[in-house]
Protein backbone atom coordinates (compact mmCIF):
# COMPACT_ATOMS: atom_id res chain seq x y z
CA MET A 1 0.00 0.00 0.00
CA VAL A 2 1.43 3.37 -1.03
CA VAL A 3 0.51 6.70 0.58
CA LYS A 4 1.54 9.92 -1.14
CA VAL A 5 2.69 12.74 1.16
CA ARG A 6 3.20 16.37 0.11
CA PHE A 7 4.74 19.21 2.10
CA VAL A 8 3.86 22.88 1.71
CA GLY A 9 5.71 26.04 2.77
CA SER A 10 8.32 25.79 5.50
CA LEU A 11 7.81 22.02 5.76
CA ARG A 12 9.10 21.72 2.21
CA SER A 13 12.21 23.64 3.23
CA SER A 14 12.67 21.57 6.38
CA THR A 15 12.46 18.26 4.56
CA GLN A 16 14.18 19.31 1.34
CA LYS A 17 11.35 17.42 -0.32
CA ASN A 18 8.24 18.43 -2.16
CA LYS A 19 6.66 15.00 -1.82
CA LEU A 20 7.42 11.42 -0.97
CA GLU A 21 5.72 8.06 -0.94
CA LEU A 22 5.45 5.79 2.09
CA ASN A 23 4.80 2.07 1.86
CA PHE A 24 2.63 0.31 4.43
CA GLY A 25 1.51 -3.31 4.54
CA LYS A 26 -2.03 -2.40 5.58
CA VAL A 27 -4.53 0.41 5.97
CA VAL A 28 -3.14 2.85 8.55
CA THR A 29 -4.24 5.97 10.43
CA VAL A 30 -3.01 9.52 9.92
CA LYS A 31 -1.25 9.19 13.30
CA GLU A 32 0.70 6.19 12.00
CA VAL A 33 1.71 8.18 8.90
CA VAL A 34 2.92 11.05 11.10
CA ASP A 35 4.88 8.60 13.28
CA ARG A 36 6.51 7.08 10.20
CA LEU A 37 7.39 10.53 8.82
CA VAL A 38 9.02 11.58 12.09
CA GLY A 39 10.93 8.29 12.20
CA LYS A 40 12.09 8.72 8.61
CA ILE A 41 12.90 12.45 8.87
CA PRO A 42 13.64 13.20 12.57
CA LYS A 43 13.90 16.97 12.11
CA LEU A 44 10.19 16.95 11.19
CA LYS A 45 9.29 16.20 14.81
CA ASN A 46 9.79 19.81 15.93
CA ALA A 47 7.94 21.16 12.91
CA LEU A 48 5.04 18.69 12.97
CA VAL A 49 4.42 17.63 16.55
CA ASP A 50 3.43 19.95 19.40
CA ILE A 51 5.80 18.89 22.19
CA GLU A 52 3.37 19.54 25.06
CA LEU A 53 0.41 17.80 23.47
CA ASN A 54 2.33 15.20 21.43
CA ASP A 55 -0.10 16.07 18.64
CA PRO A 56 0.57 17.52 15.17
CA ARG A 57 -2.72 19.39 14.80
CA PRO A 58 -1.73 22.66 16.54
CA ASN A 59 1.22 23.01 14.14
CA VAL A 60 -0.09 21.77 10.80
CA LEU A 61 -3.24 21.46 8.78
CA ILE A 62 -3.46 17.87 7.54
CA LEU A 63 -5.51 17.07 4.46
CA VAL A 64 -6.43 13.58 3.30
CA ASN A 65 -7.60 13.63 -0.31
CA GLU A 66 -8.19 17.40 -0.01
CA LYS A 67 -10.32 17.13 3.18
CA ASP A 68 -9.19 18.48 6.54
CA ILE A 69 -8.86 15.61 9.00
CA SER A 70 -10.94 17.63 11.49
CA VAL A 71 -14.03 16.92 9.36
CA LEU A 72 -13.07 13.27 9.04
CA ASN A 73 -11.94 11.21 12.02
CA GLY A 74 -8.98 13.33 13.17
CA LEU A 75 -5.73 11.46 13.71
CA GLU A 76 -7.66 8.19 13.55
CA THR A 77 -8.68 8.86 9.93
CA LYS A 78 -7.92 5.74 7.88
CA VAL A 79 -5.44 6.17 5.04
CA LYS A 80 -5.73 3.74 2.15
CA ASP A 81 -3.66 2.81 -0.88
CA GLY A 82 -3.19 5.79 -3.18
CA ASP A 83 -4.48 8.36 -0.69
CA ASP A 84 -2.88 11.79 -0.83
CA LEU A 85 -1.85 13.54 2.41
CA VAL A 86 -0.85 17.18 2.46
CA PHE A 87 0.85 18.84 5.44
CA ILE A 88 0.44 22.63 5.58
CA PRO A 89 2.18 24.57 8.38
CA ILE A 90 0.04 26.83 10.53
CA ILE A 91 1.64 30.19 11.19
CA HIS A 92 1.13 31.56 14.68
CA GLY A 93 1.63 35.17 15.56
CA GLY A 94 1.06 37.52 18.35
């Protein structure tokens, strides 16, 4: 099973990649994709995952097939063969 992952904005700069493909042996959740990404590209952890919450959602907008995971099943959204995930950084200011 292949999942396509794309990075936008500063995440593209951090990873030096526009996109990549991850192989899984089964249907997985968005959380499992994030865990695999962080394992594969460790410097993504600081950019993707909120340290206090251990959750990527405060830092990035995650789309699965062009739908925000917040309107799906959050981090438990199932990702299937050929699905397209996009990670878009959220810019905070004050």
